[in-house]
Amino acid sequence: MTVKAGNAAIQGWTVKWTFANGQTISQIWGASQTTSGSAITATPVDYNRNLAANATATFGFLASQSGTNSVPTLTCTSP
């Protein structure tokens, strides 16, 4: 996934989504993950926490699922 700062620099970011069909994350890189039921929150690691205006950070993950794999809606915020 790619997180992009807007026209101003940001100091931290959060991406949230909910897996609708029982998917689970087995590995994540470029972010830290917290899980509450099917709700996932990804926050930056030290090296990609602060972004200059219009800069990007990326993170990825491996997940597993069984059956339907609906695309989740992402919510991105910065403090």
PDB file of N, CA and C in Angstrom:
ATOM      1  N   MET A   1       0.838  -1.148   0.000  1.00  0.00           N
ATOM      2  CA  MET A   1       0.000   0.000   0.000  1.00  0.00           C
ATOM      3  C   MET A   1       0.896   1.227   0.000  1.00  0.00           C
ATOM      4  N   THR A   2       0.388   2.320  -0.534  1.00  0.00           N
ATOM      5  CA  THR A   2       1.134   3.570  -0.565  1.00  0.00           C
ATOM      6  C   THR A   2       0.353   4.642   0.187  1.00  0.00           C
ATOM      7  N   VAL A   3       1.050   5.310   1.080  1.00  0.00           N
ATOM      8  CA  VAL A   3       0.499   6.449   1.821  1.00  0.00           C
ATOM      9  C   VAL A   3       1.156   7.692   1.242  1.00  0.00           C
ATOM     10  N   LYS A   4       0.371   8.689   0.884  1.00  0.00           N
ATOM     11  CA  LYS A   4       0.929   9.918   0.310  1.00  0.00           C
ATOM     12  C   LYS A   4       0.497  11.120   1.130  1.00  0.00           C
ATOM     13  N   ALA A   5       1.485  11.947   1.503  1.00  0.00           N
ATOM     14  CA  ALA A   5       1.186  13.212   2.186  1.00  0.00           C
ATOM     15  C   ALA A   5       0.553  14.166   1.179  1.00  0.00           C
ATOM     16  N   GLY A   6      -0.234  15.069   1.671  1.00  0.00           N
ATOM     17  CA  GLY A   6      -0.834  16.085   0.805  1.00  0.00           C
ATOM     18  C   GLY A   6       0.151  17.209   0.548  1.00  0.00           C
ATOM     19  N   ASN A   7      -0.329  18.419   0.475  1.00  0.00           N
ATOM     20  CA  ASN A   7       0.507  19.579   0.166  1.00  0.00           C
ATOM     21  C   ASN A   7       1.349  20.062   1.335  1.00  0.00           C
ATOM     22  N   ALA A   8       1.204  19.427   2.493  1.00  0.00           N
ATOM     23  CA  ALA A   8       2.001  19.781   3.676  1.00  0.00           C
ATOM     24  C   ALA A   8       2.656  18.521   4.224  1.00  0.00           C
ATOM     25  N   ALA A   9       3.784  18.703   4.866  1.00  0.00           N
ATOM     26  CA  ALA A   9       4.473  17.577   5.490  1.00  0.00           C
ATOM     27  C   ALA A   9       3.613  17.001   6.621  1.00  0.00           C
ATOM     28  N   ILE A  10       3.767  15.696   6.888  1.00  0.00           N
ATOM     29  CA  ILE A  10       3.061  15.060   7.994  1.00  0.00           C
ATOM     30  C   ILE A  10       4.057  14.334   8.888  1.00  0.00           C
ATOM     31  N   GLN A  11       3.698  14.217  10.139  1.00  0.00           N
ATOM     32  CA  GLN A  11       4.533  13.515  11.109  1.00  0.00           C
ATOM     33  C   GLN A  11       3.721  12.362  11.678  1.00  0.00           C
ATOM     34  N   GLY A  12       3.628  11.302  10.913  1.00  0.00           N
ATOM     35  CA  GLY A  12       2.882  10.119  11.295  1.00  0.00           C
ATOM     36  C   GLY A  12       1.641   9.946  10.441  1.00  0.00           C
ATOM     37  N   TRP A  13       1.173   8.720  10.348  1.00  0.00           N
ATOM     38  CA  TRP A  13      -0.022   8.400   9.572  1.00  0.00           C
ATOM     39  C   TRP A  13      -0.643   7.127  10.124  1.00  0.00           C
ATOM     40  N   THR A  14      -1.899   6.929   9.802  1.00  0.00           N
ATOM     41  CA  THR A  14      -2.636   5.733  10.210  1.00  0.00           C
ATOM     42  C   THR A  14      -3.526   5.307   9.059  1.00  0.00           C
ATOM     43  N   VAL A  15      -3.525   4.015   8.774  1.00  0.00           N
ATOM     44  CA  VAL A  15      -4.438   3.452   7.784  1.00  0.00           C
ATOM     45  C   VAL A  15      -5.278   2.398   8.500  1.00  0.00           C
ATOM     46  N   LYS A  16      -6.606   2.508   8.361  1.00  0.00           N
ATOM     47  CA  LYS A  16      -7.522   1.563   9.006  1.00  0.00           C
ATOM     48  C   LYS A  16      -8.423   0.928   7.960  1.00  0.00           C
ATOM     49  N   TRP A  17      -8.739  -0.355   8.181  1.00  0.00           N
ATOM     50  CA  TRP A  17      -9.711  -1.041   7.358  1.00  0.00           C
ATOM     51  C   TRP A  17     -10.259  -2.233   8.127  1.00  0.00           C
ATOM     52  N   THR A  18     -11.334  -2.783   7.632  1.00  0.00           N
ATOM     53  CA  THR A  18     -11.952  -3.954   8.231  1.00  0.00           C
ATOM     54  C   THR A  18     -12.059  -5.041   7.177  1.00  0.00           C
ATOM     55  N   PHE A  19     -11.556  -6.216   7.509  1.00  0.00           N
ATOM     56  CA  PHE A  19     -11.716  -7.367   6.631  1.00  0.00           C
ATOM     57  C   PHE A  19     -13.116  -7.931   6.834  1.00  0.00           C
ATOM     58  N   ALA A  20     -13.858  -8.085   5.754  1.00  0.00           N
ATOM     59  CA  ALA A  20     -15.254  -8.513   5.843  1.00  0.00           C
ATOM     60  C   ALA A  20     -15.433 -10.029   5.838  1.00  0.00           C
ATOM     61  N   ASN A  21     -14.419 -10.747   5.408  1.00  0.00           N
ATOM     62  CA  ASN A  21     -14.609 -12.177   5.174  1.00  0.00           C
ATOM     63  C   ASN A  21     -13.616 -13.067   5.919  1.00  0.00           C
ATOM     64  N   GLY A  22     -13.191 -12.652   7.105  1.00  0.00           N
ATOM     65  CA  GLY A  22     -12.330 -13.494   7.928  1.00  0.00           C
ATOM     66  C   GLY A  22     -10.868 -13.535   7.523  1.00  0.00           C
ATOM     67  N   GLN A  23     -10.413 -12.613   6.699  1.00  0.00           N
ATOM     68  CA  GLN A  23      -9.010 -12.570   6.325  1.00  0.00           C
ATOM     69  C   GLN A  23      -8.161 -12.276   7.559  1.00  0.00           C
ATOM     70  N   THR A  24      -6.934 -12.771   7.547  1.00  0.00           N
ATOM     71  CA  THR A  24      -5.992 -12.497   8.629  1.00  0.00           C
ATOM     72  C   THR A  24      -4.631 -12.158   8.046  1.00  0.00           C
ATOM     73  N   ILE A  25      -3.915 -11.265   8.704  1.00  0.00           N
ATOM     74  CA  ILE A  25      -2.577 -10.883   8.281  1.00  0.00           C
ATOM     75  C   ILE A  25      -1.573 -11.774   9.004  1.00  0.00           C
ATOM     76  N   SER A  26      -0.667 -12.381   8.230  1.00  0.00           N
ATOM     77  CA  SER A  26       0.362 -13.231   8.821  1.00  0.00           C
ATOM     78  C   SER A  26       1.720 -12.538   8.892  1.00  0.00           C
ATOM     79  N   GLN A  27       1.921 -11.520   8.061  1.00  0.00           N
ATOM     80  CA  GLN A  27       3.198 -10.795   8.058  1.00  0.00           C
ATOM     81  C   GLN A  27       2.948  -9.396   7.521  1.00  0.00           C
ATOM     82  N   ILE A  28       3.616  -8.397   8.107  1.00  0.00           N
ATOM     83  CA  ILE A  28       3.503  -7.011   7.646  1.00  0.00           C
ATOM     84  C   ILE A  28       4.888  -6.391   7.657  1.00  0.00           C
ATOM     85  N   TRP A  29       5.173  -5.518   6.703  1.00  0.00           N
ATOM     86  CA  TRP A  29       6.448  -4.810   6.671  1.00  0.00           C
ATOM     87  C   TRP A  29       6.208  -3.351   6.297  1.00  0.00           C
ATOM     88  N   GLY A  30       7.038  -2.473   6.824  1.00  0.00           N
ATOM     89  CA  GLY A  30       6.911  -1.043   6.566  1.00  0.00           C
ATOM     90  C   GLY A  30       5.854  -0.377   7.418  1.00  0.00           C
ATOM     91  N   ALA A  31       5.246  -1.133   8.338  1.00  0.00           N
ATOM     92  CA  ALA A  31       4.218  -0.604   9.244  1.00  0.00           C
ATOM     93  C   ALA A  31       4.102  -1.545  10.438  1.00  0.00           C
ATOM     94  N   SER A  32       3.485  -1.044  11.477  1.00  0.00           N
ATOM     95  CA  SER A  32       3.110  -1.873  12.620  1.00  0.00           C
ATOM     96  C   SER A  32       1.610  -2.085  12.545  1.00  0.00           C
ATOM     97  N   GLN A  33       1.163  -3.237  12.972  1.00  0.00           N
ATOM     98  CA  GLN A  33      -0.242  -3.604  12.868  1.00  0.00           C
ATOM     99  C   GLN A  33      -0.840  -3.868  14.237  1.00  0.00           C
ATOM    100  N   THR A  34      -2.053  -3.387  14.438  1.00  0.00           N
ATOM    101  CA  THR A  34      -2.865  -3.813  15.575  1.00  0.00           C
ATOM    102  C   THR A  34      -4.185  -4.320  15.005  1.00  0.00           C
ATOM    103  N   THR A  35      -4.728  -5.308  15.675  1.00  0.00           N
ATOM    104  CA  THR A  35      -5.953  -5.937  15.212  1.00  0.00           C
ATOM    105  C   THR A  35      -6.955  -6.003  16.349  1.00  0.00           C
ATOM    106  N   SER A  36      -8.192  -5.677  16.040  1.00  0.00           N
ATOM    107  CA  SER A  36      -9.290  -5.822  16.991  1.00  0.00           C
ATOM    108  C   SER A  36     -10.429  -6.502  16.251  1.00  0.00           C
ATOM    109  N   GLY A  37     -10.562  -7.805  16.442  1.00  0.00           N
ATOM    110  CA  GLY A  37     -11.516  -8.571  15.646  1.00  0.00           C
ATOM    111  C   GLY A  37     -11.084  -8.552  14.199  1.00  0.00           C
ATOM    112  N   SER A  38     -11.924  -8.049  13.320  1.00  0.00           N
ATOM    113  CA  SER A  38     -11.577  -7.967  11.902  1.00  0.00           C
ATOM    114  C   SER A  38     -11.071  -6.580  11.499  1.00  0.00           C
ATOM    115  N   ALA A  39     -10.994  -5.658  12.472  1.00  0.00           N
ATOM    116  CA  ALA A  39     -10.518  -4.298  12.197  1.00  0.00           C
ATOM    117  C   ALA A  39      -8.993  -4.245  12.300  1.00  0.00           C
ATOM    118  N   ILE A  40      -8.355  -3.692  11.283  1.00  0.00           N
ATOM    119  CA  ILE A  40      -6.903  -3.585  11.208  1.00  0.00           C
ATOM    120  C   ILE A  40      -6.513  -2.113  11.261  1.00  0.00           C
ATOM    121  N   THR A  41      -5.460  -1.812  12.019  1.00  0.00           N
ATOM    122  CA  THR A  41      -4.875  -0.474  12.035  1.00  0.00           C
ATOM    123  C   THR A  41      -3.390  -0.618  11.742  1.00  0.00           C
ATOM    124  N   ALA A  42      -2.920   0.086  10.716  1.00  0.00           N
ATOM    125  CA  ALA A  42      -1.496   0.106  10.364  1.00  0.00           C
ATOM    126  C   ALA A  42      -0.949   1.492  10.673  1.00  0.00           C
ATOM    127  N   THR A  43       0.174   1.531  11.385  1.00  0.00           N
ATOM    128  CA  THR A  43       0.851   2.785  11.708  1.00  0.00           C
ATOM    129  C   THR A  43       2.304   2.677  11.254  1.00  0.00           C
ATOM    130  N   PRO A  44       2.970   3.800  11.049  1.00  0.00           N
ATOM    131  CA  PRO A  44       4.315   3.764  10.473  1.00  0.00           C
ATOM    132  C   PRO A  44       5.362   3.209  11.440  1.00  0.00           C
ATOM    133  N   VAL A  45       6.427   2.716  10.852  1.00  0.00           N
ATOM    134  CA  VAL A  45       7.630   2.396  11.606  1.00  0.00           C
ATOM    135  C   VAL A  45       8.525   3.628  11.564  1.00  0.00           C
ATOM    136  N   ASP A  46       9.592   3.635  12.344  1.00  0.00           N
ATOM    137  CA  ASP A  46      10.420   4.837  12.481  1.00  0.00           C
ATOM    138  C   ASP A  46      10.879   5.434  11.151  1.00  0.00           C
ATOM    139  N   TYR A  47      11.307   4.598  10.204  1.00  0.00           N
ATOM    140  CA  TYR A  47      11.927   5.143   8.992  1.00  0.00           C
ATOM    141  C   TYR A  47      10.941   5.756   7.995  1.00  0.00           C
ATOM    142  N   ASN A  48       9.634   5.523   8.151  1.00  0.00           N
ATOM    143  CA  ASN A  48       8.697   6.143   7.204  1.00  0.00           C
ATOM    144  C   ASN A  48       7.584   6.919   7.908  1.00  0.00           C
ATOM    145  N   ARG A  49       7.856   7.331   9.133  1.00  0.00           N
ATOM    146  CA  ARG A  49       6.872   8.060   9.943  1.00  0.00           C
ATOM    147  C   ARG A  49       6.636   9.480   9.418  1.00  0.00           C
ATOM    148  N   ASN A  50       7.698  10.218   9.143  1.00  0.00           N
ATOM    149  CA  ASN A  50       7.591  11.619   8.722  1.00  0.00           C
ATOM    150  C   ASN A  50       7.715  11.713   7.205  1.00  0.00           C
ATOM    151  N   LEU A  51       6.747  12.373   6.591  1.00  0.00           N
ATOM    152  CA  LEU A  51       6.745  12.522   5.141  1.00  0.00           C
ATOM    153  C   LEU A  51       6.730  13.997   4.773  1.00  0.00           C
ATOM    154  N   ALA A  52       7.583  14.363   3.841  1.00  0.00           N
ATOM    155  CA  ALA A  52       7.568  15.727   3.305  1.00  0.00           C
ATOM    156  C   ALA A  52       6.301  15.910   2.475  1.00  0.00           C
ATOM    157  N   ALA A  53       5.996  17.138   2.145  1.00  0.00           N
ATOM    158  CA  ALA A  53       4.827  17.409   1.301  1.00  0.00           C
ATOM    159  C   ALA A  53       4.894  16.570   0.034  1.00  0.00           C
ATOM    160  N   ASN A  54       3.810  15.908  -0.315  1.00  0.00           N
ATOM    161  CA  ASN A  54       3.664  15.080  -1.512  1.00  0.00           C
ATOM    162  C   ASN A  54       4.555  13.841  -1.544  1.00  0.00           C
ATOM    163  N   ALA A  55       5.229  13.529  -0.438  1.00  0.00           N
ATOM    164  CA  ALA A  55       6.074  12.332  -0.373  1.00  0.00           C
ATOM    165  C   ALA A  55       5.216  11.100  -0.081  1.00  0.00           C
ATOM    166  N   THR A  56       5.771   9.924  -0.338  1.00  0.00           N
ATOM    167  CA  THR A  56       5.043   8.688  -0.111  1.00  0.00           C
ATOM    168  C   THR A  56       5.818   7.737   0.789  1.00  0.00           C
ATOM    169  N   ALA A  57       5.086   6.857   1.431  1.00  0.00           N
ATOM    170  CA  ALA A  57       5.634   5.740   2.185  1.00  0.00           C
ATOM    171  C   ALA A  57       4.867   4.502   1.736  1.00  0.00           C
ATOM    172  N   THR A  58       5.513   3.365   1.762  1.00  0.00           N
ATOM    173  CA  THR A  58       4.824   2.138   1.374  1.00  0.00           C
ATOM    174  C   THR A  58       4.921   1.114   2.490  1.00  0.00           C
ATOM    175  N   PHE A  59       3.910   0.260   2.552  1.00  0.00           N
ATOM    176  CA  PHE A  59       3.957  -0.909   3.412  1.00  0.00           C
ATOM    177  C   PHE A  59       3.216  -2.034   2.716  1.00  0.00           C
ATOM    178  N   GLY A  60       3.489  -3.233   3.151  1.00  0.00           N
ATOM    179  CA  GLY A  60       2.840  -4.385   2.542  1.00  0.00           C
ATOM    180  C   GLY A  60       2.539  -5.438   3.587  1.00  0.00           C
ATOM    181  N   PHE A  61       1.770  -6.432   3.185  1.00  0.00           N
ATOM    182  CA  PHE A  61       1.451  -7.515   4.106  1.00  0.00           C
ATOM    183  C   PHE A  61       1.069  -8.770   3.334  1.00  0.00           C
ATOM    184  N   LEU A  62       1.179  -9.880   4.014  1.00  0.00           N
ATOM    185  CA  LEU A  62       0.682 -11.155   3.522  1.00  0.00           C
ATOM    186  C   LEU A  62      -0.543 -11.491   4.344  1.00  0.00           C
ATOM    187  N   ALA A  63      -1.596 -11.911   3.682  1.00  0.00           N
ATOM    188  CA  ALA A  63      -2.833 -12.250   4.377  1.00  0.00           C
ATOM    189  C   ALA A  63      -3.382 -13.552   3.823  1.00  0.00           C
ATOM    190  N   SER A  64      -4.221 -14.178   4.615  1.00  0.00           N
ATOM    191  CA  SER A  64      -4.885 -15.391   4.163  1.00  0.00           C
ATOM    192  C   SER A  64      -6.391 -15.185   4.239  1.00  0.00           C
ATOM    193  N   GLN A  65      -7.096 -15.940   3.450  1.00  0.00           N
ATOM    194  CA  GLN A  65      -8.548 -15.841   3.435  1.00  0.00           C
ATOM    195  C   GLN A  65      -9.108 -17.182   2.996  1.00  0.00           C
ATOM    196  N   SER A  66     -10.369 -17.361   3.269  1.00  0.00           N
ATOM    197  CA  SER A  66     -11.062 -18.543   2.767  1.00  0.00           C
ATOM    198  C   SER A  66     -12.402 -18.074   2.212  1.00  0.00           C
ATOM    199  N   GLY A  67     -12.715 -18.515   1.045  1.00  0.00           N
ATOM    200  CA  GLY A  67     -13.979 -18.111   0.432  1.00  0.00           C
ATOM    201  C   GLY A  67     -13.894 -16.738  -0.207  1.00  0.00           C
ATOM    202  N   THR A  68     -14.928 -15.950   0.001  1.00  0.00           N
ATOM    203  CA  THR A  68     -15.036 -14.620  -0.591  1.00  0.00           C
ATOM    204  C   THR A  68     -13.936 -13.707  -0.068  1.00  0.00           C
ATOM    205  N   ASN A  69     -13.448 -12.823  -0.909  1.00  0.00           N
ATOM    206  CA  ASN A  69     -12.393 -11.896  -0.523  1.00  0.00           C
ATOM    207  C   ASN A  69     -12.801 -10.487  -0.952  1.00  0.00           C
ATOM    208  N   SER A  70     -13.732  -9.882  -0.234  1.00  0.00           N
ATOM    209  CA  SER A  70     -14.206  -8.539  -0.557  1.00  0.00           C
ATOM    210  C   SER A  70     -13.104  -7.504  -0.347  1.00  0.00           C
ATOM    211  N   VAL A  71     -13.083  -6.489  -1.195  1.00  0.00           N
ATOM    212  CA  VAL A  71     -12.105  -5.412  -1.078  1.00  0.00           C
ATOM    213  C   VAL A  71     -12.543  -4.475   0.046  1.00  0.00           C
ATOM    214  N   PRO A  72     -11.678  -4.252   1.053  1.00  0.00           N
ATOM    215  CA  PRO A  72     -12.057  -3.360   2.149  1.00  0.00           C
ATOM    216  C   PRO A  72     -11.937  -1.894   1.762  1.00  0.00           C
ATOM    217  N   THR A  73     -12.633  -1.047   2.484  1.00  0.00           N
ATOM    218  CA  THR A  73     -12.526   0.399   2.333  1.00  0.00           C
ATOM    219  C   THR A  73     -11.478   0.892   3.327  1.00  0.00           C
ATOM    220  N   LEU A  74     -10.518   1.670   2.842  1.00  0.00           N
ATOM    221  CA  LEU A  74      -9.438   2.182   3.682  1.00  0.00           C
ATOM    222  C   LEU A  74      -9.762   3.594   4.186  1.00  0.00           C
ATOM    223  N   THR A  75      -9.330   3.885   5.396  1.00  0.00           N
ATOM    224  CA  THR A  75      -9.407   5.223   5.951  1.00  0.00           C
ATOM    225  C   THR A  75      -7.997   5.638   6.331  1.00  0.00           C
ATOM    226  N   CYS A  76      -7.531   6.755   5.792  1.00  0.00           N
ATOM    227  CA  CYS A  76      -6.177   7.234   6.064  1.00  0.00           C
ATOM    228  C   CYS A  76      -6.240   8.561   6.802  1.00  0.00           C
ATOM    229  N   THR A  77      -5.447   8.676   7.872  1.00  0.00           N
ATOM    230  CA  THR A  77      -5.401   9.917   8.630  1.00  0.00           C
ATOM    231  C   THR A  77      -3.959  10.209   9.037  1.00  0.00           C
ATOM    232  N   SER A  78      -3.717  11.464   9.412  1.00  0.00           N
ATOM    233  CA  SER A  78      -2.431  11.840  10.010  1.00  0.00           C
ATOM    234  C   SER A  78      -2.737  12.736  11.199  1.00  0.00           C
ATOM    235  N   PRO A  79      -1.877  12.666  12.226  1.00  0.00           N
ATOM    236  CA  PRO A  79      -2.161  13.462  13.421  1.00  0.00           C
ATOM    237  C   PRO A  79      -2.057  14.958  13.188  1.00  0.00           C
TER     238      PRO A  79
END
